[in-house]
Structure formats: structure tokens, C-alpha cells
């Protein structure tokens, strides 16, 4: 069973990577161009394109903004332009870290809850945060704003000069250009609905 899950993760990573390469080549961007536009290193971009690195939400957002697409593009072969879009439970796309993630790789599992509408301003996810130590926290920043509503567990939010502990039912809304990080407290994973507003 675990092997099948790992294969599924690898397939999702390859899908994201191949789509990123396809978009880069379609727009005639070099890897050097992409580094300048996204702030991501050339090595990391190559690892993403080769399906060797599973990009966290903030990295996917940087890629989507650079290419002028919704993050939906990386999860669905075709996205519609209807005013109403329904994504069924079995259609959710779940992306999780590899068993041995790399240093600096964000340590959480995320599930895209909406994969049908192409041009949208909000990106909703179900995110699972495993228990981790403060030393393992990875701080990220990206354009836009972010809303998190905690469903299960206990979660710590940190920015450079701010710390909040969230319990089930608590919510936090913040400007995501702040360098920020979350970590799960307690003995079991925390789960939250996260909505990211993608400022374009």
C-alpha cells in the first residue's frame, strides 16, 4: 500500500514538473529567465521539472504567477471557464512530501480542493501538518493573502515578530508576503482548510 502511495506522489510530481517545463518552453523562457522571474534557484527549477522535488504551495504560486496561469493548471489537464465549478471528493489532487524530504522542503501534505475553474483568484486547499520541531520549520513568503481555519490538532503560526497558537475552530488571516511558517504541536497531525488569494 505504501509503495502505491509513493508511486502516486511520484506521478503527481512528474505531472507538475512536465507542465512547468511545457509552460516554460511555450513561453520561450530559459532556466536563467525563470530564476530571475521567480527567485528560485536553477537547480531547484530543474528538480521540479524532472519530478524530483514536490513544490510547496508558495513555490507553485510563484510558478503560476510567472506563467500567467492558475495553480489549477498543474492539477488538471483541462480547466473550464464556467461561472460555477464543482469538484467532487474523488477528484481532489493530494500532494505529499516524499518519505525522505530534502532540507528546506516544506513538510506538509496538501490537497487541491478545486481543480476545475481556470481563472480564479482564490486557491482552496486541505492541508495536513505533521508534528515537527521548531528547528524543522521552513519560512516562506509569496504575493497575496492567506486564510487558515484549523479543523483538527494544534498549530503554531510564526512570522518574524509574531507567534500565535491555534486550536480547532480558530482562524488566521494574514498578508502572505510576510515571511511565515506553521508547525503542528501536540502528538498528532493538524488539519486545516487554507485559502490563498493569488495576487496577480
N, C-alpha and C. Protein backbone atom coordinates (compact mmCIF):
# COMPACT_ATOMS: atom_id res chain seq x y z
N UNK A 1 0.83 -1.20 0.00
CA UNK A 1 0.00 0.00 0.00
C UNK A 1 0.86 1.25 0.00
N UNK A 2 1.89 1.26 0.87
CA UNK A 2 2.77 2.43 0.95
C UNK A 2 3.46 2.66 -0.37
N UNK A 3 3.86 1.56 -1.04
CA UNK A 3 4.53 1.69 -2.32
C UNK A 3 3.64 2.35 -3.35
N UNK A 4 2.34 1.98 -3.36
CA UNK A 4 1.40 2.60 -4.28
C UNK A 4 1.26 4.08 -4.01
N UNK A 5 1.25 4.46 -2.73
CA UNK A 5 1.15 5.87 -2.38
C UNK A 5 2.38 6.63 -2.85
N UNK A 6 3.56 6.05 -2.67
CA UNK A 6 4.79 6.70 -3.12
C UNK A 6 4.77 6.87 -4.63
N UNK A 7 4.27 5.85 -5.35
CA UNK A 7 4.19 5.95 -6.81
C UNK A 7 3.23 7.06 -7.20
N UNK A 8 2.12 7.18 -6.46
CA UNK A 8 1.15 8.23 -6.74
C UNK A 8 1.78 9.60 -6.56
N UNK A 9 2.54 9.76 -5.49
CA UNK A 9 3.23 11.03 -5.24
C UNK A 9 4.21 11.33 -6.37
N UNK A 10 4.96 10.30 -6.78
CA UNK A 10 5.92 10.49 -7.87
C UNK A 10 5.22 10.91 -9.15
N UNK A 11 4.05 10.30 -9.42
CA UNK A 11 3.30 10.65 -10.62
C UNK A 11 2.84 12.10 -10.57
N UNK A 12 2.36 12.55 -9.40
CA UNK A 12 1.92 13.94 -9.27
C UNK A 12 3.10 14.89 -9.46
N UNK A 13 4.25 14.52 -8.89
CA UNK A 13 5.43 15.37 -9.04
C UNK A 13 5.83 15.48 -10.50
N UNK A 14 5.77 14.34 -11.22
CA UNK A 14 6.12 14.34 -12.64
C UNK A 14 5.13 15.16 -13.44
N UNK A 15 3.85 15.08 -13.07
CA UNK A 15 2.85 15.86 -13.79
C UNK A 15 3.10 17.35 -13.61
N UNK A 16 3.35 17.77 -12.37
CA UNK A 16 3.64 19.18 -12.12
C UNK A 16 4.90 19.60 -12.86
N UNK A 17 5.94 18.77 -12.78
CA UNK A 17 7.21 19.10 -13.44
C UNK A 17 7.09 19.20 -14.94
N UNK A 18 6.39 18.27 -15.55
CA UNK A 18 6.26 18.29 -17.01
C UNK A 18 5.43 19.49 -17.46
N UNK A 19 4.43 19.86 -16.68
CA UNK A 19 3.63 21.03 -17.02
C UNK A 19 4.45 22.31 -16.88
N UNK A 20 5.29 22.36 -15.85
CA UNK A 20 6.15 23.54 -15.66
C UNK A 20 7.11 23.68 -16.83
N UNK A 21 7.71 22.56 -17.25
CA UNK A 21 8.63 22.62 -18.39
C UNK A 21 7.89 23.01 -19.67
N UNK A 22 6.70 22.44 -19.85
CA UNK A 22 5.89 22.74 -21.04
C UNK A 22 5.58 24.23 -21.12
N UNK A 23 5.18 24.82 -19.98
CA UNK A 23 4.88 26.25 -19.96
C UNK A 23 6.13 27.09 -20.22
N UNK A 24 7.23 26.69 -19.61
CA UNK A 24 8.48 27.46 -19.80
C UNK A 24 8.90 27.46 -21.27
N UNK A 25 8.84 26.29 -21.90
CA UNK A 25 9.25 26.18 -23.30
C UNK A 25 8.26 26.91 -24.21
N UNK A 26 6.98 26.83 -23.89
CA UNK A 26 5.96 27.51 -24.69
C UNK A 26 6.17 29.02 -24.68
N UNK A 27 6.60 29.55 -23.53
CA UNK A 27 6.84 30.99 -23.42
C UNK A 27 8.28 31.37 -23.76
N UNK A 28 9.06 30.37 -24.13
CA UNK A 28 10.46 30.57 -24.54
C UNK A 28 11.30 31.21 -23.44
N UNK A 29 11.06 30.78 -22.21
CA UNK A 29 11.87 31.22 -21.08
C UNK A 29 13.01 30.22 -20.89
N UNK A 30 14.19 30.73 -20.62
CA UNK A 30 15.30 29.85 -20.23
C UNK A 30 15.21 29.63 -18.71
N UNK A 31 15.99 28.69 -18.21
CA UNK A 31 16.03 28.49 -16.76
C UNK A 31 16.58 29.74 -16.07
N UNK A 32 17.51 30.41 -16.75
CA UNK A 32 18.05 31.67 -16.20
C UNK A 32 16.93 32.72 -16.10
N UNK A 33 16.07 32.79 -17.13
CA UNK A 33 14.93 33.71 -17.10
C UNK A 33 14.03 33.39 -15.91
N UNK A 34 13.78 32.10 -15.71
CA UNK A 34 12.89 31.67 -14.64
C UNK A 34 13.46 32.00 -13.26
N UNK A 35 14.76 31.86 -13.11
CA UNK A 35 15.41 32.21 -11.85
C UNK A 35 15.21 33.70 -11.55
N UNK A 36 15.39 34.53 -12.59
CA UNK A 36 15.22 35.97 -12.42
C UNK A 36 13.78 36.34 -12.10
N UNK A 37 12.82 35.64 -12.71
CA UNK A 37 11.41 35.97 -12.55
C UNK A 37 10.82 35.45 -11.24
N UNK A 38 11.30 34.30 -10.78
CA UNK A 38 10.69 33.65 -9.61
C UNK A 38 11.52 33.77 -8.33
N UNK A 39 12.83 33.99 -8.48
CA UNK A 39 13.71 33.99 -7.32
C UNK A 39 14.09 32.58 -6.89
N UNK A 40 13.65 31.56 -7.64
CA UNK A 40 14.00 30.18 -7.34
C UNK A 40 15.32 29.83 -8.01
N UNK A 41 16.11 28.97 -7.40
CA UNK A 41 17.41 28.62 -7.97
C UNK A 41 17.23 27.74 -9.21
N UNK A 42 18.23 27.77 -10.07
CA UNK A 42 18.20 26.95 -11.28
C UNK A 42 18.14 25.48 -10.92
N UNK A 43 18.91 25.07 -9.92
CA UNK A 43 18.91 23.66 -9.50
C UNK A 43 17.52 23.22 -9.05
N UNK A 44 16.84 24.08 -8.29
CA UNK A 44 15.51 23.73 -7.81
C UNK A 44 14.53 23.63 -8.98
N UNK A 45 14.61 24.55 -9.92
CA UNK A 45 13.74 24.52 -11.09
C UNK A 45 13.93 23.24 -11.89
N UNK A 46 15.18 22.81 -12.04
CA UNK A 46 15.48 21.57 -12.77
C UNK A 46 14.88 20.39 -12.02
N UNK A 47 15.01 20.37 -10.69
CA UNK A 47 14.46 19.27 -9.89
C UNK A 47 12.94 19.22 -10.00
N UNK A 48 12.30 20.39 -10.04
CA UNK A 48 10.84 20.43 -10.20
C UNK A 48 10.45 19.89 -11.56
N UNK A 49 11.12 20.36 -12.61
CA UNK A 49 10.79 19.92 -13.97
C UNK A 49 11.02 18.43 -14.16
N UNK A 50 11.98 17.87 -13.46
CA UNK A 50 12.28 16.44 -13.59
C UNK A 50 11.44 15.58 -12.65
N UNK A 51 10.56 16.21 -11.86
CA UNK A 51 9.72 15.46 -10.94
C UNK A 51 10.46 14.95 -9.73
N UNK A 52 11.60 15.56 -9.42
CA UNK A 52 12.42 15.11 -8.29
C UNK A 52 12.11 15.88 -7.00
N UNK A 53 11.39 16.98 -7.13
CA UNK A 53 11.08 17.83 -5.98
C UNK A 53 9.60 18.19 -6.04
N UNK A 54 8.90 18.00 -4.95
CA UNK A 54 7.48 18.34 -4.89
C UNK A 54 7.35 19.77 -4.38
N UNK A 55 6.94 20.70 -5.24
CA UNK A 55 6.92 22.10 -4.82
C UNK A 55 5.82 22.39 -3.82
N UNK A 56 6.12 23.14 -2.77
CA UNK A 56 5.09 23.58 -1.82
C UNK A 56 4.18 24.61 -2.48
N UNK A 57 3.10 24.96 -1.80
CA UNK A 57 2.11 25.87 -2.35
C UNK A 57 2.73 27.20 -2.77
N UNK A 58 3.61 27.76 -1.93
CA UNK A 58 4.20 29.06 -2.23
C UNK A 58 5.01 29.01 -3.52
N UNK A 59 5.73 27.91 -3.75
CA UNK A 59 6.53 27.77 -4.97
C UNK A 59 5.63 27.60 -6.19
N UNK A 60 4.58 26.80 -6.04
CA UNK A 60 3.62 26.64 -7.15
C UNK A 60 3.00 27.98 -7.52
N UNK A 61 2.71 28.79 -6.51
CA UNK A 61 2.11 30.10 -6.78
C UNK A 61 3.08 30.99 -7.57
N UNK A 62 4.36 30.94 -7.21
CA UNK A 62 5.35 31.74 -7.94
C UNK A 62 5.42 31.29 -9.40
N UNK A 63 5.38 29.98 -9.62
CA UNK A 63 5.41 29.46 -11.00
C UNK A 63 4.15 29.88 -11.75
N UNK A 64 2.99 29.74 -11.11
CA UNK A 64 1.73 30.08 -11.76
C UNK A 64 1.70 31.57 -12.12
N UNK A 65 2.14 32.44 -11.22
CA UNK A 65 2.16 33.87 -11.49
C UNK A 65 3.09 34.20 -12.64
N UNK A 66 4.25 33.54 -12.67
CA UNK A 66 5.22 33.80 -13.74
C UNK A 66 4.66 33.41 -15.10
N UNK A 67 3.93 32.29 -15.13
CA UNK A 67 3.38 31.80 -16.39
C UNK A 67 2.02 32.40 -16.73
N UNK A 68 1.42 33.12 -15.79
CA UNK A 68 0.12 33.71 -16.03
C UNK A 68 -1.01 32.70 -16.06
N UNK A 69 -0.91 31.66 -15.23
CA UNK A 69 -1.95 30.64 -15.15
C UNK A 69 -2.40 30.48 -13.70
N UNK A 70 -3.52 29.79 -13.51
CA UNK A 70 -3.96 29.43 -12.17
C UNK A 70 -3.18 28.21 -11.72
N UNK A 71 -3.07 28.02 -10.41
CA UNK A 71 -2.43 26.80 -9.91
C UNK A 71 -3.18 25.56 -10.35
N UNK A 72 -4.46 25.73 -10.69
CA UNK A 72 -5.28 24.63 -11.21
C UNK A 72 -4.61 23.95 -12.39
N UNK A 73 -3.89 24.73 -13.18
CA UNK A 73 -3.25 24.19 -14.39
C UNK A 73 -2.35 23.00 -14.06
N UNK A 74 -1.73 23.01 -12.90
CA UNK A 74 -0.78 21.95 -12.55
C UNK A 74 -1.48 20.67 -12.06
N UNK A 75 -2.78 20.76 -11.77
CA UNK A 75 -3.50 19.62 -11.22
C UNK A 75 -4.49 18.99 -12.20
N UNK A 76 -4.84 19.69 -13.26
CA UNK A 76 -5.89 19.22 -14.16
C UNK A 76 -5.45 19.42 -15.60
N UNK A 77 -5.76 18.45 -16.45
CA UNK A 77 -5.39 18.56 -17.86
C UNK A 77 -6.14 19.69 -18.54
N UNK A 78 -7.42 19.83 -18.21
CA UNK A 78 -8.22 20.90 -18.80
C UNK A 78 -9.03 21.56 -17.69
N UNK A 79 -9.12 22.86 -17.72
CA UNK A 79 -9.92 23.59 -16.73
C UNK A 79 -10.95 24.43 -17.47
N UNK A 80 -12.13 24.51 -16.90
CA UNK A 80 -13.20 25.24 -17.57
C UNK A 80 -13.27 26.69 -17.18
N UNK A 81 -14.13 27.41 -17.88
CA UNK A 81 -14.31 28.85 -17.63
C UNK A 81 -15.72 29.16 -17.13
N UNK A 82 -16.46 28.12 -16.72
CA UNK A 82 -17.82 28.33 -16.24
C UNK A 82 -17.83 29.18 -14.98
N UNK A 83 -18.97 29.82 -14.73
CA UNK A 83 -19.09 30.64 -13.53
C UNK A 83 -19.27 29.80 -12.29
N UNK A 84 -19.73 28.56 -12.46
CA UNK A 84 -19.89 27.63 -11.34
C UNK A 84 -19.06 26.39 -11.64
N UNK A 85 -18.24 25.99 -10.69
CA UNK A 85 -17.40 24.80 -10.89
C UNK A 85 -17.53 23.90 -9.67
N UNK A 86 -17.81 22.63 -9.91
CA UNK A 86 -17.94 21.65 -8.82
C UNK A 86 -16.82 20.63 -8.96
N UNK A 87 -16.08 20.43 -7.87
CA UNK A 87 -15.04 19.40 -7.82
C UNK A 87 -15.51 18.33 -6.84
N UNK A 88 -15.66 17.11 -7.33
CA UNK A 88 -16.14 16.01 -6.49
C UNK A 88 -15.03 15.50 -5.59
N UNK A 89 -15.42 14.87 -4.50
CA UNK A 89 -14.45 14.40 -3.50
C UNK A 89 -13.39 13.50 -4.11
N UNK A 90 -13.77 12.63 -5.04
CA UNK A 90 -12.80 11.70 -5.61
C UNK A 90 -11.85 12.37 -6.61
N UNK A 91 -12.13 13.64 -6.95
CA UNK A 91 -11.29 14.35 -7.91
C UNK A 91 -10.19 15.18 -7.25
N UNK A 92 -10.23 15.30 -5.93
CA UNK A 92 -9.21 16.09 -5.23
C UNK A 92 -7.83 15.54 -5.56
N UNK A 93 -6.86 16.43 -5.72
CA UNK A 93 -5.49 16.03 -6.01
C UNK A 93 -4.66 16.24 -4.74
N UNK A 94 -4.08 15.14 -4.24
CA UNK A 94 -3.33 15.17 -2.98
C UNK A 94 -1.84 15.11 -3.27
N UNK A 95 -1.10 16.06 -2.74
CA UNK A 95 0.34 16.12 -2.93
C UNK A 95 1.00 16.01 -1.56
N UNK A 96 1.88 15.03 -1.41
CA UNK A 96 2.56 14.89 -0.12
C UNK A 96 4.06 14.78 -0.33
N UNK A 97 4.76 15.07 0.74
CA UNK A 97 6.22 15.01 0.68
C UNK A 97 6.68 13.57 0.53
N UNK A 98 7.88 13.38 0.06
CA UNK A 98 8.45 12.05 -0.04
C UNK A 98 8.84 11.57 1.36
N UNK A 99 9.03 10.25 1.53
CA UNK A 99 9.40 9.72 2.85
C UNK A 99 10.65 10.38 3.41
N UNK A 100 11.62 10.71 2.53
CA UNK A 100 12.85 11.37 2.98
C UNK A 100 12.94 12.71 2.26
N UNK A 101 12.28 13.72 2.83
CA UNK A 101 12.28 15.01 2.15
C UNK A 101 13.61 15.71 2.33
N UNK A 102 13.86 16.65 1.43
CA UNK A 102 15.14 17.34 1.43
C UNK A 102 15.12 18.52 2.39
N UNK A 103 16.30 18.92 2.78
CA UNK A 103 16.41 20.09 3.66
C UNK A 103 15.84 21.31 2.97
N UNK A 104 15.01 22.06 3.67
CA UNK A 104 14.41 23.25 3.08
C UNK A 104 13.08 22.98 2.40
N UNK A 105 12.69 21.71 2.29
CA UNK A 105 11.41 21.36 1.68
C UNK A 105 10.33 21.44 2.74
N UNK A 106 9.22 22.13 2.42
CA UNK A 106 8.16 22.29 3.39
C UNK A 106 7.55 20.94 3.72
N UNK A 107 7.35 20.71 5.01
CA UNK A 107 6.95 19.39 5.49
C UNK A 107 5.44 19.35 5.77
N UNK A 108 4.63 19.31 4.70
CA UNK A 108 3.19 19.15 4.89
C UNK A 108 2.59 18.48 3.66
N UNK A 109 1.36 18.02 3.83
CA UNK A 109 0.61 17.39 2.76
C UNK A 109 -0.49 18.36 2.34
N UNK A 110 -0.67 18.57 1.04
CA UNK A 110 -1.77 19.45 0.64
C UNK A 110 -2.62 18.81 -0.44
N UNK A 111 -3.89 19.16 -0.39
CA UNK A 111 -4.88 18.59 -1.30
C UNK A 111 -5.62 19.73 -1.98
N UNK A 112 -5.55 19.80 -3.29
CA UNK A 112 -6.26 20.85 -4.03
C UNK A 112 -7.75 20.54 -4.02
N UNK A 113 -8.55 21.43 -3.48
CA UNK A 113 -9.98 21.18 -3.33
C UNK A 113 -10.78 21.67 -4.53
N UNK A 114 -10.17 22.47 -5.39
CA UNK A 114 -10.87 22.97 -6.58
C UNK A 114 -9.93 22.85 -7.76
N UNK A 115 -10.31 22.06 -8.75
CA UNK A 115 -9.40 21.83 -9.89
C UNK A 115 -10.07 22.12 -11.24
N UNK A 116 -11.24 22.70 -11.23
CA UNK A 116 -11.99 22.86 -12.48
C UNK A 116 -11.96 24.27 -13.07
N UNK A 117 -11.93 25.28 -12.22
CA UNK A 117 -12.01 26.65 -12.75
C UNK A 117 -10.61 27.20 -13.01
N UNK A 118 -10.40 27.64 -14.24
CA UNK A 118 -9.06 28.06 -14.65
C UNK A 118 -8.66 29.42 -14.10
N UNK A 119 -9.49 30.41 -14.29
CA UNK A 119 -9.12 31.77 -13.92
C UNK A 119 -9.82 32.18 -12.63
N UNK A 120 -9.20 31.82 -11.52
CA UNK A 120 -9.80 32.17 -10.24
C UNK A 120 -8.78 32.92 -9.39
N UNK A 121 -9.27 33.65 -8.42
CA UNK A 121 -8.40 34.46 -7.57
C UNK A 121 -8.08 33.78 -6.25
N UNK A 122 -8.89 32.80 -5.86
CA UNK A 122 -8.68 32.08 -4.61
C UNK A 122 -8.30 30.64 -4.90
N UNK A 123 -7.38 30.10 -4.11
CA UNK A 123 -6.94 28.71 -4.26
C UNK A 123 -7.20 27.98 -2.94
N UNK A 124 -8.20 27.11 -2.87
CA UNK A 124 -8.51 26.41 -1.62
C UNK A 124 -7.80 25.06 -1.50
N UNK A 125 -7.29 24.78 -0.32
CA UNK A 125 -6.57 23.53 -0.05
C UNK A 125 -6.99 22.96 1.29
N UNK A 126 -6.88 21.63 1.41
CA UNK A 126 -6.92 20.96 2.69
C UNK A 126 -5.48 20.60 2.99
N UNK A 127 -4.96 21.08 4.11
CA UNK A 127 -3.54 20.90 4.42
C UNK A 127 -3.40 20.10 5.72
N UNK A 128 -2.50 19.12 5.68
CA UNK A 128 -2.20 18.32 6.87
C UNK A 128 -0.77 18.60 7.30
N UNK A 129 -0.62 19.03 8.55
CA UNK A 129 0.70 19.38 9.08
C UNK A 129 1.15 18.30 10.06
N UNK A 130 2.22 17.57 9.75
CA UNK A 130 2.72 16.57 10.70
C UNK A 130 3.42 17.25 11.88
N UNK A 131 3.52 16.54 12.98
CA UNK A 131 4.21 17.08 14.16
C UNK A 131 5.67 17.32 13.79
N UNK A 132 6.21 18.46 14.20
CA UNK A 132 7.61 18.75 13.91
C UNK A 132 8.21 19.67 14.96
N UNK A 133 9.52 19.70 14.99
CA UNK A 133 10.27 20.52 15.94
C UNK A 133 10.46 21.92 15.37
N UNK A 134 10.67 22.88 16.23
CA UNK A 134 10.90 24.26 15.80
C UNK A 134 12.05 24.35 14.80
N UNK A 135 13.09 23.56 15.00
CA UNK A 135 14.27 23.61 14.13
C UNK A 135 13.96 23.17 12.70
N UNK A 136 12.83 22.47 12.50
CA UNK A 136 12.46 21.98 11.18
C UNK A 136 11.56 22.94 10.41
N UNK A 137 11.20 24.06 11.03
CA UNK A 137 10.29 25.00 10.38
C UNK A 137 10.95 25.65 9.17
N UNK A 138 10.20 25.77 8.09
CA UNK A 138 10.67 26.42 6.88
C UNK A 138 9.80 27.65 6.65
N UNK A 139 10.41 28.82 6.55
CA UNK A 139 9.67 30.06 6.36
C UNK A 139 9.55 30.38 4.88
N UNK A 140 8.35 30.79 4.47
CA UNK A 140 8.09 31.11 3.06
C UNK A 140 7.36 32.44 2.99
N UNK A 141 7.36 33.02 1.81
CA UNK A 141 6.57 34.21 1.55
C UNK A 141 6.17 34.20 0.08
N UNK A 142 5.05 34.81 -0.22
CA UNK A 142 4.58 34.89 -1.60
C UNK A 142 3.58 36.03 -1.68
N UNK A 143 3.22 36.42 -2.88
CA UNK A 143 2.26 37.50 -3.05
C UNK A 143 0.89 37.07 -2.56
N UNK A 144 0.06 38.06 -2.24
CA UNK A 144 -1.33 37.77 -1.92
C UNK A 144 -1.63 37.74 -0.44
N UNK A 145 -2.72 37.07 -0.11
CA UNK A 145 -3.19 36.95 1.26
C UNK A 145 -3.60 35.51 1.51
N UNK A 146 -3.66 35.12 2.78
CA UNK A 146 -3.91 33.73 3.12
C UNK A 146 -4.85 33.63 4.31
N UNK A 147 -5.76 32.66 4.24
CA UNK A 147 -6.70 32.40 5.32
C UNK A 147 -6.57 30.94 5.72
N UNK A 148 -6.49 30.66 7.01
CA UNK A 148 -6.41 29.29 7.50
C UNK A 148 -7.44 29.11 8.60
N UNK A 149 -8.21 28.02 8.49
CA UNK A 149 -9.18 27.64 9.52
C UNK A 149 -8.80 26.24 10.00
N UNK A 150 -8.48 26.14 11.29
CA UNK A 150 -8.00 24.87 11.83
C UNK A 150 -9.16 23.94 12.16
N UNK A 151 -9.07 22.72 11.60
CA UNK A 151 -10.10 21.70 11.82
C UNK A 151 -9.74 20.75 12.95
N UNK A 152 -8.48 20.31 12.97
CA UNK A 152 -8.04 19.31 13.96
C UNK A 152 -6.63 19.65 14.44
N UNK A 153 -6.32 19.25 15.68
CA UNK A 153 -4.98 19.40 16.22
C UNK A 153 -4.70 20.80 16.72
N UNK A 154 -3.42 21.07 16.93
CA UNK A 154 -2.98 22.38 17.42
C UNK A 154 -1.84 22.85 16.52
N UNK A 155 -1.91 24.10 16.12
CA UNK A 155 -0.97 24.62 15.13
C UNK A 155 -0.35 25.92 15.62
N UNK A 156 0.94 26.05 15.39
CA UNK A 156 1.64 27.28 15.72
C UNK A 156 1.95 28.05 14.45
N UNK A 157 1.61 29.34 14.45
CA UNK A 157 1.93 30.24 13.35
C UNK A 157 3.03 31.17 13.80
N UNK A 158 4.05 31.32 12.95
CA UNK A 158 5.14 32.25 13.26
C UNK A 158 5.45 33.14 12.07
N UNK A 159 5.70 34.40 12.37
CA UNK A 159 6.33 35.31 11.41
C UNK A 159 7.58 35.82 12.11
N UNK A 160 8.23 36.79 11.52
CA UNK A 160 9.48 37.28 12.10
C UNK A 160 9.28 37.79 13.52
N UNK A 161 8.16 38.48 13.76
CA UNK A 161 7.96 39.09 15.08
C UNK A 161 6.60 38.75 15.70
N UNK A 162 6.02 37.61 15.28
CA UNK A 162 4.69 37.28 15.77
C UNK A 162 4.56 35.77 15.96
N UNK A 163 3.88 35.36 17.03
CA UNK A 163 3.63 33.94 17.28
C UNK A 163 2.20 33.78 17.78
N UNK A 164 1.46 32.85 17.16
CA UNK A 164 0.10 32.54 17.58
C UNK A 164 -0.05 31.03 17.66
N UNK A 165 -0.76 30.55 18.67
CA UNK A 165 -1.11 29.13 18.77
C UNK A 165 -2.59 28.99 18.46
N UNK A 166 -2.91 28.16 17.47
CA UNK A 166 -4.29 27.97 17.03
C UNK A 166 -4.83 26.63 17.49
N UNK A 167 -6.08 26.62 17.91
CA UNK A 167 -6.79 25.41 18.31
C UNK A 167 -7.96 25.19 17.37
N UNK A 168 -8.54 23.98 17.36
CA UNK A 168 -9.66 23.71 16.44
C UNK A 168 -10.75 24.78 16.53
N UNK A 169 -11.17 25.26 15.37
CA UNK A 169 -12.17 26.32 15.31
C UNK A 169 -11.56 27.69 15.16
N UNK A 170 -10.26 27.85 15.47
CA UNK A 170 -9.58 29.14 15.32
C UNK A 170 -9.23 29.37 13.85
N UNK A 171 -9.15 30.65 13.50
CA UNK A 171 -8.77 31.05 12.14
C UNK A 171 -7.72 32.14 12.19
N UNK A 172 -6.95 32.23 11.11
CA UNK A 172 -5.98 33.32 10.99
C UNK A 172 -5.98 33.80 9.54
N UNK A 173 -5.93 35.10 9.37
CA UNK A 173 -5.89 35.73 8.05
C UNK A 173 -4.68 36.67 8.05
N UNK A 174 -3.82 36.54 7.05
CA UNK A 174 -2.62 37.37 7.05
C UNK A 174 -2.16 37.66 5.64
N UNK A 175 -1.37 38.70 5.51
CA UNK A 175 -0.75 39.05 4.23
C UNK A 175 0.45 38.16 4.05
N UNK A 176 0.44 37.37 2.98
CA UNK A 176 1.42 36.30 2.86
C UNK A 176 2.76 36.73 2.28
N UNK A 177 2.95 38.05 2.05
CA UNK A 177 4.30 38.49 1.70
C UNK A 177 5.17 38.58 2.96
N UNK A 178 4.53 38.41 4.15
CA UNK A 178 5.29 38.24 5.39
C UNK A 178 5.96 36.88 5.37
N UNK A 179 7.20 36.81 5.78
CA UNK A 179 7.85 35.50 5.93
C UNK A 179 7.15 34.77 7.06
N UNK A 180 6.61 33.57 6.76
CA UNK A 180 5.79 32.88 7.75
C UNK A 180 5.98 31.38 7.70
N UNK A 181 5.58 30.73 8.78
CA UNK A 181 5.68 29.28 8.85
C UNK A 181 4.65 28.75 9.85
N UNK A 182 4.26 27.49 9.64
CA UNK A 182 3.37 26.81 10.56
C UNK A 182 4.06 25.54 11.05
N UNK A 183 3.75 25.14 12.28
CA UNK A 183 4.18 23.82 12.72
C UNK A 183 3.12 23.24 13.64
N UNK A 184 2.98 21.94 13.58
CA UNK A 184 2.00 21.23 14.38
C UNK A 184 2.55 20.99 15.78
N UNK A 185 1.73 21.26 16.78
CA UNK A 185 2.08 20.98 18.17
C UNK A 185 1.31 19.73 18.61
N UNK A 186 1.71 19.15 19.69
CA UNK A 186 0.98 18.00 20.21
C UNK A 186 1.51 16.69 19.67
N UNK A 187 0.66 15.66 19.69
CA UNK A 187 1.11 14.31 19.36
C UNK A 187 0.56 13.78 18.05
N UNK A 188 -0.36 14.51 17.41
CA UNK A 188 -0.88 14.03 16.13
C UNK A 188 -0.99 15.18 15.14
N UNK A 189 -1.11 14.83 13.87
CA UNK A 189 -1.14 15.85 12.81
C UNK A 189 -2.30 16.82 12.99
N UNK A 190 -2.09 18.02 12.46
CA UNK A 190 -3.15 19.03 12.44
C UNK A 190 -3.67 19.15 11.02
N UNK A 191 -4.97 19.43 10.89
CA UNK A 191 -5.58 19.60 9.56
C UNK A 191 -6.29 20.94 9.50
N UNK A 192 -6.16 21.59 8.35
CA UNK A 192 -6.76 22.92 8.20
C UNK A 192 -7.21 23.14 6.78
N UNK A 193 -8.24 23.98 6.65
CA UNK A 193 -8.63 24.49 5.34
C UNK A 193 -7.82 25.78 5.13
N UNK A 194 -7.12 25.84 4.01
CA UNK A 194 -6.30 27.01 3.69
C UNK A 194 -6.79 27.59 2.37
N UNK A 195 -7.06 28.88 2.35
CA UNK A 195 -7.44 29.56 1.12
C UNK A 195 -6.40 30.64 0.85
N UNK A 196 -5.79 30.55 -0.32
CA UNK A 196 -4.76 31.51 -0.71
C UNK A 196 -5.33 32.41 -1.79
N UNK A 197 -5.25 33.71 -1.57
CA UNK A 197 -5.63 34.67 -2.61
C UNK A 197 -4.40 34.97 -3.43
N UNK A 198 -4.50 34.65 -4.70
CA UNK A 198 -3.35 34.77 -5.59
C UNK A 198 -3.34 36.15 -6.23
N UNK A 199 -2.58 37.06 -5.67
CA UNK A 199 -2.49 38.42 -6.20
C UNK A 199 -1.68 38.41 -7.48
N UNK A 200 -2.31 38.79 -8.58
CA UNK A 200 -1.64 38.74 -9.89
C UNK A 200 -1.29 40.13 -10.39
